[in-house]
C-alpha atoms as a PDB file:
ATOM      1  CA  MET A   1      15.591  31.119  29.414  1.00  0.00           C
ATOM      2  CA  ASN A   2      11.965  30.209  28.700  1.00  0.00           C
ATOM      3  CA  SER A   3      10.276  28.051  31.324  1.00  0.00           C
ATOM      4  CA  ARG A   4       8.215  26.266  28.679  1.00  0.00           C
ATOM      5  CA  PHE A   5      10.950  23.714  28.001  1.00  0.00           C
ATOM      6  CA  VAL A   6      10.885  20.235  29.488  1.00  0.00           C
ATOM      7  CA  PRO A   7      13.186  19.986  32.523  1.00  0.00           C
ATOM      8  CA  ASP A   8      14.180  16.355  31.967  1.00  0.00           C
ATOM      9  CA  ILE A   9      15.269  14.706  28.709  1.00  0.00           C
ATOM     10  CA  SER A  10      13.508  11.523  29.792  1.00  0.00           C
ATOM     11  CA  THR A  11      10.221  13.208  28.931  1.00  0.00           C
ATOM     12  CA  ALA A  12      11.404  13.596  25.358  1.00  0.00           C
ATOM     13  CA  ILE A  13      12.141   9.901  24.870  1.00  0.00           C
ATOM     14  CA  ALA A  14       9.490   8.270  27.064  1.00  0.00           C
ATOM     15  CA  PRO A  15       7.041   6.020  25.176  1.00  0.00           C
ATOM     16  CA  LEU A  16       4.074   7.835  23.716  1.00  0.00           C
ATOM     17  CA  PRO A  17       0.629   7.173  25.160  1.00  0.00           C
ATOM     18  CA  ARG A  18      -1.114   4.156  23.685  1.00  0.00           C
ATOM     19  CA  ALA A  19      -3.372   6.499  21.738  1.00  0.00           C
ATOM     20  CA  PRO A  20      -1.289   9.665  21.213  1.00  0.00           C
ATOM     21  CA  SER A  21      -2.883  12.908  20.106  1.00  0.00           C
ATOM     22  CA  ALA A  22      -1.710  14.515  16.872  1.00  0.00           C
ATOM     23  CA  ALA A  23      -1.847  17.979  15.334  1.00  0.00           C
ATOM     24  CA  ILE A  24      -1.099  19.116  11.805  1.00  0.00           C
ATOM     25  CA  VAL A  25       1.024  22.279  11.664  1.00  0.00           C
ATOM     26  CA  THR A  26       1.113  24.595   8.643  1.00  0.00           C
ATOM     27  CA  ALA A  27       3.149  27.785   8.353  1.00  0.00           C
ATOM     28  CA  SER A  28       1.696  30.120   5.728  1.00  0.00           C
ATOM     29  CA  TYR A  29       1.335  33.724   4.560  1.00  0.00           C
ATOM     30  CA  ALA A  30      -1.113  35.885   2.649  1.00  0.00           C
ATOM     31  CA  PRO A  31       0.036  35.090  -0.942  1.00  0.00           C
ATOM     32  CA  ASP A  32      -0.588  31.396  -0.207  1.00  0.00           C
ATOM     33  CA  PHE A  33      -4.001  31.915   1.379  1.00  0.00           C
ATOM     34  CA  GLU A  34      -6.045  30.217  -1.353  1.00  0.00           C
ATOM     35  CA  ARG A  35      -3.609  27.295  -1.407  1.00  0.00           C
ATOM     36  CA  CYS A  36      -3.964  27.018   2.351  1.00  0.00           C
ATOM     37  CA  ARG A  37      -7.740  27.077   2.019  1.00  0.00           C
ATOM     38  CA  LEU A  38      -7.494  24.161  -0.402  1.00  0.00           C
ATOM     39  CA  LEU A  39      -5.238  22.304   2.031  1.00  0.00           C
ATOM     40  CA  CYS A  40      -7.798  22.777   4.798  1.00  0.00           C
ATOM     41  CA  GLU A  41     -10.629  21.486   2.613  1.00  0.00           C
ATOM     42  CA  THR A  42      -8.673  18.387   1.664  1.00  0.00           C
ATOM     43  CA  ILE A  43      -7.575  17.741   5.258  1.00  0.00           C
ATOM     44  CA  ASP A  44     -11.204  17.892   6.352  1.00  0.00           C
ATOM     45  CA  ARG A  45     -12.176  15.523   3.545  1.00  0.00           C
ATOM     46  CA  HIS A  46      -9.394  12.936   3.761  1.00  0.00           C
ATOM     47  CA  VAL A  47      -7.416  13.054   7.044  1.00  0.00           C
ATOM     48  CA  THR A  48      -8.387  11.101  10.152  1.00  0.00           C
ATOM     49  CA  GLY A  49      -6.698  10.729  13.539  1.00  0.00           C
ATOM     50  CA  MET A  50      -5.958  14.459  13.858  1.00  0.00           C
ATOM     51  CA  ALA A  51      -6.959  16.364  16.978  1.00  0.00           C
ATOM     52  CA  HIS A  52      -6.152  19.853  15.710  1.00  0.00           C
ATOM     53  CA  HIS A  53      -4.718  21.899  12.850  1.00  0.00           C
ATOM     54  CA  TYR A  54      -2.526  24.919  13.660  1.00  0.00           C
ATOM     55  CA  ILE A  55      -1.895  27.536  10.975  1.00  0.00           C
ATOM     56  CA  LEU A  56       1.058  29.795  11.848  1.00  0.00           C
ATOM     57  CA  THR A  57       1.141  33.264  10.286  1.00  0.00           C
ATOM     58  CA  GLU A  58       2.665  36.692  10.556  1.00  0.00           C
ATOM     59  CA  HIS A  59       0.629  39.126  12.662  1.00  0.00           C
ATOM     60  CA  ARG A  60      -0.639  41.163   9.721  1.00  0.00           C
ATOM     61  CA  ASP A  61      -2.024  38.012   8.049  1.00  0.00           C
ATOM     62  CA  VAL A  62      -3.936  36.737  11.073  1.00  0.00           C
ATOM     63  CA  ALA A  63      -7.244  38.438  10.212  1.00  0.00           C
ATOM     64  CA  LEU A  64      -7.201  36.990   6.682  1.00  0.00           C
ATOM     65  CA  PHE A  65      -6.541  33.450   7.887  1.00  0.00           C
ATOM     66  CA  ARG A  66      -9.235  33.653  10.578  1.00  0.00           C
ATOM     67  CA  GLN A  67     -11.641  32.690   7.775  1.00  0.00           C
ATOM     68  CA  LEU A  68     -10.211  29.180   7.989  1.00  0.00           C
ATOM     69  CA  GLU A  69     -10.685  28.723  11.733  1.00  0.00           C
ATOM     70  CA  GLY A  70     -13.027  26.098  13.078  1.00  0.00           C
ATOM     71  CA  ARG A  71     -13.594  23.687  15.913  1.00  0.00           C
ATOM     72  CA  ARG A  72     -10.367  21.820  15.143  1.00  0.00           C
ATOM     73  CA  ARG A  73      -8.418  24.572  13.403  1.00  0.00           C
ATOM     74  CA  SER A  74      -6.843  27.710  14.866  1.00  0.00           C
ATOM     75  CA  ILE A  75      -4.664  30.546  13.608  1.00  0.00           C
ATOM     76  CA  VAL A  76      -1.539  31.274  15.640  1.00  0.00           C
ATOM     77  CA  ASP A  77       0.053  34.732  15.528  1.00  0.00           C
ATOM     78  CA  GLU A  78       3.840  34.566  15.291  1.00  0.00           C
ATOM     79  CA  ARG A  79       3.977  37.288  17.979  1.00  0.00           C
ATOM     80  CA  ASP A  80       2.718  34.626  20.388  1.00  0.00           C
ATOM     81  CA  LEU A  81       5.499  32.266  19.317  1.00  0.00           C
ATOM     82  CA  LEU A  82       8.671  34.275  18.730  1.00  0.00           C
ATOM     83  CA  PRO A  83      10.567  36.824  20.855  1.00  0.00           C
ATOM     84  CA  ARG A  84       9.383  40.422  20.634  1.00  0.00           C
ATOM     85  CA  TRP A  85      12.931  41.533  19.843  1.00  0.00           C
ATOM     86  CA  LEU A  86      12.537  40.030  16.358  1.00  0.00           C
ATOM     87  CA  HIS A  87      10.940  42.829  14.311  1.00  0.00           C
ATOM     88  CA  VAL A  88       9.407  42.569  10.839  1.00  0.00           C
ATOM     89  CA  PHE A  89       9.521  45.293   8.168  1.00  0.00           C
ATOM     90  CA  ASP A  90       8.750  45.812   4.507  1.00  0.00           C
ATOM     91  CA  ASP A  91      12.090  45.428   2.752  1.00  0.00           C
ATOM     92  CA  PRO A  92      13.034  48.514   0.693  1.00  0.00           C
ATOM     93  CA  LEU A  93      15.665  46.490  -1.183  1.00  0.00           C
ATOM     94  CA  SER A  94      12.843  44.443  -2.729  1.00  0.00           C
ATOM     95  CA  GLY A  95      10.742  47.477  -3.619  1.00  0.00           C
ATOM     96  CA  PHE A  96       8.760  46.784  -0.439  1.00  0.00           C
ATOM     97  CA  ARG A  97       7.361  43.600  -2.001  1.00  0.00           C
ATOM     98  CA  ARG A  98       9.021  41.263   0.492  1.00  0.00           C
ATOM     99  CA  ARG A  99       9.299  41.204   4.264  1.00  0.00           C
ATOM    100  CA  ILE A 100      12.437  41.097   6.381  1.00  0.00           C
ATOM    101  CA  TRP A 101      12.860  40.231  10.087  1.00  0.00           C
ATOM    102  CA  LEU A 102      15.597  42.156  11.865  1.00  0.00           C
ATOM    103  CA  SER A 103      17.224  42.120  15.280  1.00  0.00           C
ATOM    104  CA  PHE A 104      20.605  42.642  16.877  1.00  0.00           C
ATOM    105  CA  ARG A 105      20.666  38.927  17.789  1.00  0.00           C
ATOM    106  CA  THR A 106      20.211  37.269  14.405  1.00  0.00           C
ATOM    107  CA  GLN A 107      21.106  37.644  10.779  1.00  0.00           C
ATOM    108  CA  PRO A 108      18.470  39.422   8.655  1.00  0.00           C
ATOM    109  CA  LEU A 109      15.799  36.785   8.100  1.00  0.00           C
ATOM    110  CA  ARG A 110      13.330  36.208   5.274  1.00  0.00           C
ATOM    111  CA  GLY A 111       9.895  34.677   5.439  1.00  0.00           C
ATOM    112  CA  TRP A 112      11.093  31.124   4.820  1.00  0.00           C
ATOM    113  CA  HIS A 113      13.511  31.452   7.740  1.00  0.00           C
ATOM    114  CA  VAL A 114      10.825  32.694  10.104  1.00  0.00           C
ATOM    115  CA  GLN A 115       8.367  30.007   9.010  1.00  0.00           C
ATOM    116  CA  GLN A 116      10.929  27.459  10.179  1.00  0.00           C
ATOM    117  CA  LEU A 117      11.285  29.213  13.526  1.00  0.00           C
ATOM    118  CA  ARG A 118       7.496  29.200  13.952  1.00  0.00           C
ATOM    119  CA  ARG A 119       7.358  25.455  13.291  1.00  0.00           C
ATOM    120  CA  ILE A 120       9.855  24.860  16.084  1.00  0.00           C
ATOM    121  CA  ALA A 121       8.221  27.344  18.455  1.00  0.00           C
ATOM    122  CA  ILE A 122       4.690  25.906  18.206  1.00  0.00           C
ATOM    123  CA  ALA A 123       5.870  22.979  20.345  1.00  0.00           C
ATOM    124  CA  GLY A 124       5.862  25.379  23.287  1.00  0.00           C
ATOM    125  CA  GLN A 125       2.128  26.035  22.917  1.00  0.00           C
ATOM    126  CA  ALA A 126       0.607  22.915  21.389  1.00  0.00           C
ATOM    127  CA  LYS A 127      -0.777  20.227  23.676  1.00  0.00           C
ATOM    128  CA  GLU A 128      -0.728  17.295  21.266  1.00  0.00           C
ATOM    129  CA  ASP A 129       1.892  14.549  21.538  1.00  0.00           C
ATOM    130  CA  VAL A 130       2.809  14.454  17.840  1.00  0.00           C
ATOM    131  CA  LEU A 131       3.223  17.396  15.460  1.00  0.00           C
ATOM    132  CA  ILE A 132       2.771  16.682  11.752  1.00  0.00           C
ATOM    133  CA  PHE A 133       4.176  19.328   9.413  1.00  0.00           C
ATOM    134  CA  CYS A 134       2.412  20.024   6.153  1.00  0.00           C
ATOM    135  CA  ASP A 135       3.108  22.954   3.802  1.00  0.00           C
ATOM    136  CA  SER A 136       0.258  25.186   2.683  1.00  0.00           C
ATOM    137  CA  ASP A 137       0.734  24.290  -0.987  1.00  0.00           C
ATOM    138  CA  VAL A 138      -0.169  20.644  -0.328  1.00  0.00           C
ATOM    139  CA  ALA A 139      -3.495  18.986  -1.127  1.00  0.00           C
ATOM    140  CA  PHE A 140      -4.620  15.557   0.089  1.00  0.00           C
ATOM    141  CA  LEU A 141      -6.077  13.353  -2.617  1.00  0.00           C
ATOM    142  CA  LYS A 142      -6.528  10.074  -0.726  1.00  0.00           C
ATOM    143  CA  PRO A 143      -7.633   8.959   2.755  1.00  0.00           C
ATOM    144  CA  PHE A 144      -4.857   9.319   5.289  1.00  0.00           C
ATOM    145  CA  ASP A 145      -4.749   8.358   8.960  1.00  0.00           C
ATOM    146  CA  THR A 146      -2.120  10.101  11.071  1.00  0.00           C
ATOM    147  CA  GLY A 147      -1.550   6.889  13.020  1.00  0.00           C
ATOM    148  CA  VAL A 148       1.017   5.953  10.367  1.00  0.00           C
ATOM    149  CA  PHE A 149       3.424   8.266  12.180  1.00  0.00           C
ATOM    150  CA  TRP A 150       3.667   6.221  15.375  1.00  0.00           C
ATOM    151  CA  ARG A 151       4.063   2.628  16.498  1.00  0.00           C
ATOM    152  CA  GLU A 152       5.010   0.936  19.763  1.00  0.00           C
ATOM    153  CA  GLY A 153       5.318   4.283  21.538  1.00  0.00           C
ATOM    154  CA  LYS A 154       7.712   5.770  18.949  1.00  0.00           C
ATOM    155  CA  VAL A 155       7.352   8.469  16.278  1.00  0.00           C
ATOM    156  CA  ARG A 156       8.420   8.077  12.668  1.00  0.00           C
ATOM    157  CA  LEU A 157      11.459  10.199  11.792  1.00  0.00           C
ATOM    158  CA  PHE A 158      11.791  10.814   8.069  1.00  0.00           C
ATOM    159  CA  ARG A 159      15.366  10.155   6.930  1.00  0.00           C
ATOM    160  CA  ARG A 160      17.110   9.596   3.613  1.00  0.00           C
ATOM    161  CA  ASP A 161      20.153   7.614   4.605  1.00  0.00           C
ATOM    162  CA  GLY A 162      23.551   8.703   3.340  1.00  0.00           C
ATOM    163  CA  VAL A 163      22.386  10.993   0.534  1.00  0.00           C
ATOM    164  CA  LEU A 164      24.522  13.953   1.631  1.00  0.00           C
ATOM    165  CA  SER A 165      27.571  11.970   0.575  1.00  0.00           C
ATOM    166  CA  ASN A 166      26.379  12.246  -3.026  1.00  0.00           C
ATOM    167  CA  ASP A 167      26.988  15.109  -5.435  1.00  0.00           C
ATOM    168  CA  GLY A 168      24.450  17.899  -5.676  1.00  0.00           C
ATOM    169  CA  HIS A 169      23.663  18.304  -1.992  1.00  0.00           C
ATOM    170  CA  ASP A 170      25.977  21.184  -1.101  1.00  0.00           C
ATOM    171  CA  GLU A 171      23.259  23.332   0.467  1.00  0.00           C
ATOM    172  CA  HIS A 172      21.890  20.463   2.509  1.00  0.00           C
ATOM    173  CA  ARG A 173      25.386  19.718   3.807  1.00  0.00           C
ATOM    174  CA  ILE A 174      25.671  23.326   4.998  1.00  0.00           C
ATOM    175  CA  TRP A 175      22.322  23.034   6.747  1.00  0.00           C
ATOM    176  CA  SER A 176      23.462  19.816   8.397  1.00  0.00           C
ATOM    177  CA  ARG A 177      26.713  21.383   9.612  1.00  0.00           C
ATOM    178  CA  ASN A 178      24.878  24.419  10.973  1.00  0.00           C
ATOM    179  CA  ALA A 179      22.405  22.123  12.718  1.00  0.00           C
ATOM    180  CA  GLY A 180      25.308  20.362  14.395  1.00  0.00           C
ATOM    181  CA  ALA A 181      26.785  23.694  15.487  1.00  0.00           C
ATOM    182  CA  ALA A 182      23.470  24.838  16.981  1.00  0.00           C
ATOM    183  CA  LEU A 183      23.174  21.585  18.913  1.00  0.00           C
ATOM    184  CA  GLY A 184      26.768  21.625  20.154  1.00  0.00           C
ATOM    185  CA  ILE A 185      27.698  18.442  18.282  1.00  0.00           C
ATOM    186  CA  ASP A 186      31.409  17.871  17.654  1.00  0.00           C
ATOM    187  CA  PRO A 187      32.146  19.213  14.119  1.00  0.00           C
ATOM    188  CA  ALA A 188      34.071  16.028  13.423  1.00  0.00           C
ATOM    189  CA  ASN A 189      30.792  14.132  13.813  1.00  0.00           C
ATOM    190  CA  ARG A 190      29.310  14.859  10.406  1.00  0.00           C
ATOM    191  CA  SER A 191      26.017  13.434   9.252  1.00  0.00           C
ATOM    192  CA  SER A 192      25.284  12.163   5.750  1.00  0.00           C
ATOM    193  CA  HIS A 193      21.535  11.869   6.306  1.00  0.00           C
ATOM    194  CA  ASP A 194      18.831  14.157   4.932  1.00  0.00           C
ATOM    195  CA  TYR A 195      15.717  14.795   7.031  1.00  0.00           C
ATOM    196  CA  ILE A 196      13.907  17.273   4.791  1.00  0.00           C
ATOM    197  CA  SER A 197      10.498  16.543   3.349  1.00  0.00           C
ATOM    198  CA  THR A 198       6.908  17.650   3.691  1.00  0.00           C
ATOM    199  CA  LEU A 199       4.286  15.697   5.619  1.00  0.00           C
ATOM    200  CA  ILE A 200       6.645  14.560   8.387  1.00  0.00           C
ATOM    201  CA  ALA A 201       6.217  14.170  12.143  1.00  0.00           C
ATOM    202  CA  TRP A 202       8.047  15.267  15.291  1.00  0.00           C
ATOM    203  CA  ARG A 203       7.458  14.521  18.960  1.00  0.00           C
ATOM    204  CA  ARG A 204       6.407  17.721  20.706  1.00  0.00           C
ATOM    205  CA  ALA A 205       8.337  16.926  23.891  1.00  0.00           C
ATOM    206  CA  THR A 206      11.456  16.182  21.844  1.00  0.00           C
ATOM    207  CA  VAL A 207      11.266  19.563  20.104  1.00  0.00           C
ATOM    208  CA  ASN A 208      11.139  21.291  23.481  1.00  0.00           C
ATOM    209  CA  ALA A 209      14.083  19.263  24.765  1.00  0.00           C
ATOM    210  CA  MET A 210      15.990  20.173  21.602  1.00  0.00           C
ATOM    211  CA  CYS A 211      15.404  23.881  22.235  1.00  0.00           C
ATOM    212  CA  GLU A 212      16.476  23.498  25.834  1.00  0.00           C
ATOM    213  CA  ARG A 213      19.728  21.863  24.734  1.00  0.00           C
ATOM    214  CA  ILE A 214      20.467  24.679  22.273  1.00  0.00           C
ATOM    215  CA  GLU A 215      19.941  27.236  25.026  1.00  0.00           C
ATOM    216  CA  LYS A 216      22.105  25.344  27.504  1.00  0.00           C
ATOM    217  CA  VAL A 217      24.938  24.901  24.978  1.00  0.00           C
ATOM    218  CA  HIS A 218      24.999  28.560  23.910  1.00  0.00           C
ATOM    219  CA  GLY A 219      23.668  30.348  26.986  1.00  0.00           C
ATOM    220  CA  ARG A 220      21.051  32.319  25.069  1.00  0.00           C
ATOM    221  CA  ASP A 221      17.632  32.046  23.441  1.00  0.00           C
ATOM    222  CA  TRP A 222      17.394  29.252  20.865  1.00  0.00           C
ATOM    223  CA  VAL A 223      15.890  31.654  18.293  1.00  0.00           C
ATOM    224  CA  SER A 224      19.003  33.835  18.411  1.00  0.00           C
ATOM    225  CA  VAL A 225      21.233  30.766  18.028  1.00  0.00           C
ATOM    226  CA  VAL A 226      19.389  29.283  15.056  1.00  0.00           C
ATOM    227  CA  GLY A 227      18.861  32.689  13.436  1.00  0.00           C
ATOM    228  CA  SER A 228      22.526  33.617  13.712  1.00  0.00           C
ATOM    229  CA  ALA A 229      23.151  31.492  10.603  1.00  0.00           C
ATOM    230  CA  ARG A 230      20.968  32.347   7.624  1.00  0.00           C
ATOM    231  CA  GLN A 231      21.462  28.869   6.159  1.00  0.00           C
ATOM    232  CA  PHE A 232      19.521  26.512   8.384  1.00  0.00           C
ATOM    233  CA  SER A 233      16.841  23.858   8.222  1.00  0.00           C
ATOM    234  CA  GLU A 234      14.506  23.050  11.073  1.00  0.00           C
ATOM    235  CA  CYS A 235      14.223  19.486   9.765  1.00  0.00           C
ATOM    236  CA  MET A 236      18.005  19.045   9.885  1.00  0.00           C
ATOM    237  CA  ILE A 237      18.168  20.412  13.433  1.00  0.00           C
ATOM    238  CA  TYR A 238      15.471  18.048  14.666  1.00  0.00           C
ATOM    239  CA  GLY A 239      16.834  15.059  12.775  1.00  0.00           C
ATOM    240  CA  ARG A 240      20.365  15.548  14.031  1.00  0.00           C
ATOM    241  CA  TYR A 241      19.124  16.094  17.568  1.00  0.00           C
ATOM    242  CA  VAL A 242      17.249  12.796  17.498  1.00  0.00           C
ATOM    243  CA  ASP A 243      19.991  10.762  15.820  1.00  0.00           C
ATOM    244  CA  ASP A 244      23.192  12.378  17.096  1.00  0.00           C
ATOM    245  CA  VAL A 245      22.144  13.476  20.583  1.00  0.00           C
ATOM    246  CA  LEU A 246      19.387  11.002  21.523  1.00  0.00           C
ATOM    247  CA  ALA A 247      20.811   8.109  19.453  1.00  0.00           C
ATOM    248  CA  GLY A 248      17.377   7.721  17.892  1.00  0.00           C
ATOM    249  CA  ALA A 249      15.534   7.213  21.182  1.00  0.00           C
ATOM    250  CA  GLY A 250      11.760   7.527  20.915  1.00  0.00           C
ATOM    251  CA  HIS A 251      11.769   7.279  17.118  1.00  0.00           C
ATOM    252  CA  PHE A 252      11.874   4.855  14.222  1.00  0.00           C
ATOM    253  CA  HIS A 253      13.123   5.748  10.749  1.00  0.00           C
ATOM    254  CA  GLY A 254      11.225   5.819   7.490  1.00  0.00           C
ATOM    255  CA  SER A 255      12.296   7.007   4.042  1.00  0.00           C
ATOM    256  CA  GLY A 256       8.997   6.714   2.204  1.00  0.00           C
ATOM    257  CA  GLU A 257       7.439  10.072   1.330  1.00  0.00           C
ATOM    258  CA  PHE A 258       3.703  10.479   1.777  1.00  0.00           C
ATOM    259  CA  CYS A 259       3.526  13.575  -0.438  1.00  0.00           C
ATOM    260  CA  ARG A 260       4.581  13.785  -4.090  1.00  0.00           C
ATOM    261  CA  VAL A 261       5.985  17.264  -4.701  1.00  0.00           C
ATOM    262  CA  HIS A 262       6.573  19.210  -7.901  1.00  0.00           C
ATOM    263  CA  TRP A 263       9.591  21.107  -6.563  1.00  0.00           C
ATOM    264  CA  ASN A 264      10.651  23.253  -9.524  1.00  0.00           C
ATOM    265  CA  GLY A 265      10.296  23.887 -13.219  1.00  0.00           C
ATOM    266  CA  GLU A 266       7.297  25.138 -15.138  1.00  0.00           C
ATOM    267  CA  ALA A 267       3.648  25.064 -14.150  1.00  0.00           C
ATOM    268  CA  LEU A 268       2.072  21.799 -15.292  1.00  0.00           C
ATOM    269  CA  SER A 269      -0.473  21.571 -18.066  1.00  0.00           C
ATOM    270  CA  ASP A 270      -3.677  19.634 -17.405  1.00  0.00           C
ATOM    271  CA  ASP A 271      -2.270  16.483 -18.999  1.00  0.00           C
ATOM    272  CA  GLU A 272       1.054  16.857 -17.183  1.00  0.00           C
ATOM    273  CA  PHE A 273      -0.810  17.329 -13.900  1.00  0.00           C
ATOM    274  CA  ARG A 274      -2.830  14.159 -14.480  1.00  0.00           C
ATOM    275  CA  ARG A 275       0.335  12.215 -15.279  1.00  0.00           C
ATOM    276  CA  PHE A 276       1.959  13.641 -12.143  1.00  0.00           C
ATOM    277  CA  VAL A 277      -0.947  12.400 -10.016  1.00  0.00           C
ATOM    278  CA  ASP A 278      -1.003   9.015 -11.782  1.00  0.00           C
ATOM    279  CA  ALA A 279       2.696   8.591 -10.901  1.00  0.00           C
ATOM    280  CA  MET A 280       2.056   8.842  -7.149  1.00  0.00           C
ATOM    281  CA  ALA A 281       3.599   5.938  -5.229  1.00  0.00           C
ATOM    282  CA  PRO A 282       1.168   3.634  -3.392  1.00  0.00           C
ATOM    283  CA  GLU A 283       2.016   5.193  -0.021  1.00  0.00           C
ATOM    284  CA  GLN A 284       1.596   8.756  -1.283  1.00  0.00           C
ATOM    285  CA  VAL A 285      -1.662  10.424  -0.318  1.00  0.00           C
ATOM    286  CA  ALA A 286      -1.018  14.077  -1.136  1.00  0.00           C
ATOM    287  CA  ILE A 287       0.562  16.299  -3.755  1.00  0.00           C
ATOM    288  CA  GLY A 288       2.536  19.506  -3.385  1.00  0.00           C
ATOM    289  CA  MET A 289       2.685  22.171  -6.076  1.00  0.00           C
ATOM    290  CA  GLN A 290       5.371  24.628  -5.007  1.00  0.00           C
ATOM    291  CA  SER A 291       3.643  28.003  -4.950  1.00  0.00           C
ATOM    292  CA  PHE A 292       6.540  29.889  -6.555  1.00  0.00           C
ATOM    293  CA  ILE A 293       6.107  27.793  -9.729  1.00  0.00           C
ATOM    294  CA  GLY A 294       2.810  29.561 -10.316  1.00  0.00           C
ATOM    295  CA  THR A 295       0.422  26.675 -10.956  1.00  0.00           C
ATOM    296  CA  ASP A 296      -3.062  28.202 -11.009  1.00  0.00           C
ATOM    297  CA  ILE A 297      -4.965  27.230  -7.874  1.00  0.00           C
ATOM    298  CA  GLY A 298      -8.230  27.147  -9.787  1.00  0.00           C
ATOM    299  CA  ARG A 299      -6.746  24.561 -12.148  1.00  0.00           C
ATOM    300  CA  ILE A 300      -5.603  22.415  -9.217  1.00  0.00           C
ATOM    301  CA  ARG A 301      -9.058  22.582  -7.630  1.00  0.00           C
ATOM    302  CA  ARG A 302     -10.715  21.583 -10.896  1.00  0.00           C
ATOM    303  CA  LEU A 303      -8.314  18.735 -11.617  1.00  0.00           C
ATOM    304  CA  ILE A 304      -8.705  17.177  -8.156  1.00  0.00           C
ATOM    305  CA  GLY A 305     -12.486  17.453  -8.347  1.00  0.00           C
ATOM    306  CA  LEU A 306     -13.218  20.243  -5.865  1.00  0.00           C
ATOM    307  CA  ASP A 307     -14.831  22.611  -8.399  1.00  0.00           C
END
């Protein structure tokens, strides 16, 4: 067991300080470097109330991302976050284009799996009270104060109520069930809520208490428990821990999304991009262009006025 975890669950649900500290957390990798650079520029231009920005990367990408470091921004090597028994290799089955993380304690894991593990693990190193998760393919377009994520000593938990009862959410239901299994929740206690979005917040102490519970339930490292199922979501694990284990203590719910995301489909033309931005809801301050869609980063920079 890792001694970093909080020894008492009361720490995880105690009221936040009157003026809590907040950090933005971004997990990224080399192919998204220029997108991450754009994110950093727009954070520095538009975001207030943030004490620090952590960028979490694989060891071989650390030197590249060091270019983005500054007084309030640091690069965190995954080797300082995850167990050394989790080893990364070039995957021959992908023609050595992709990476794979292997161990005797988990399923074979891809980059998106390990990025989720990093986002959980950073709670063991960060000092800030609130962790705000933002993908590297996001850009802020409007002023945004992180204080929106807390009120009266509680942190905002993003939740779409009841949507897993609807058609078309099969994968999310699997993630929810696997989250319940990791947390030791009775399988009969199923959740219909979805907790997945970008630009969301967690309480650092609650994340650590969540990991401690997983280890106590299963008697082994939380990474090996979560990684034993290849279909998992860190957002589902945290959300179900807060709602099903803590009964919501230390949190309040919100369903509004602060980031408008182009999740799939074709890359947007200039006119389509402008219409996408014009359709942002009043509370939305950022956009996300999923990197796998292939929208040219130079076009995004030009259209948001950074070039």
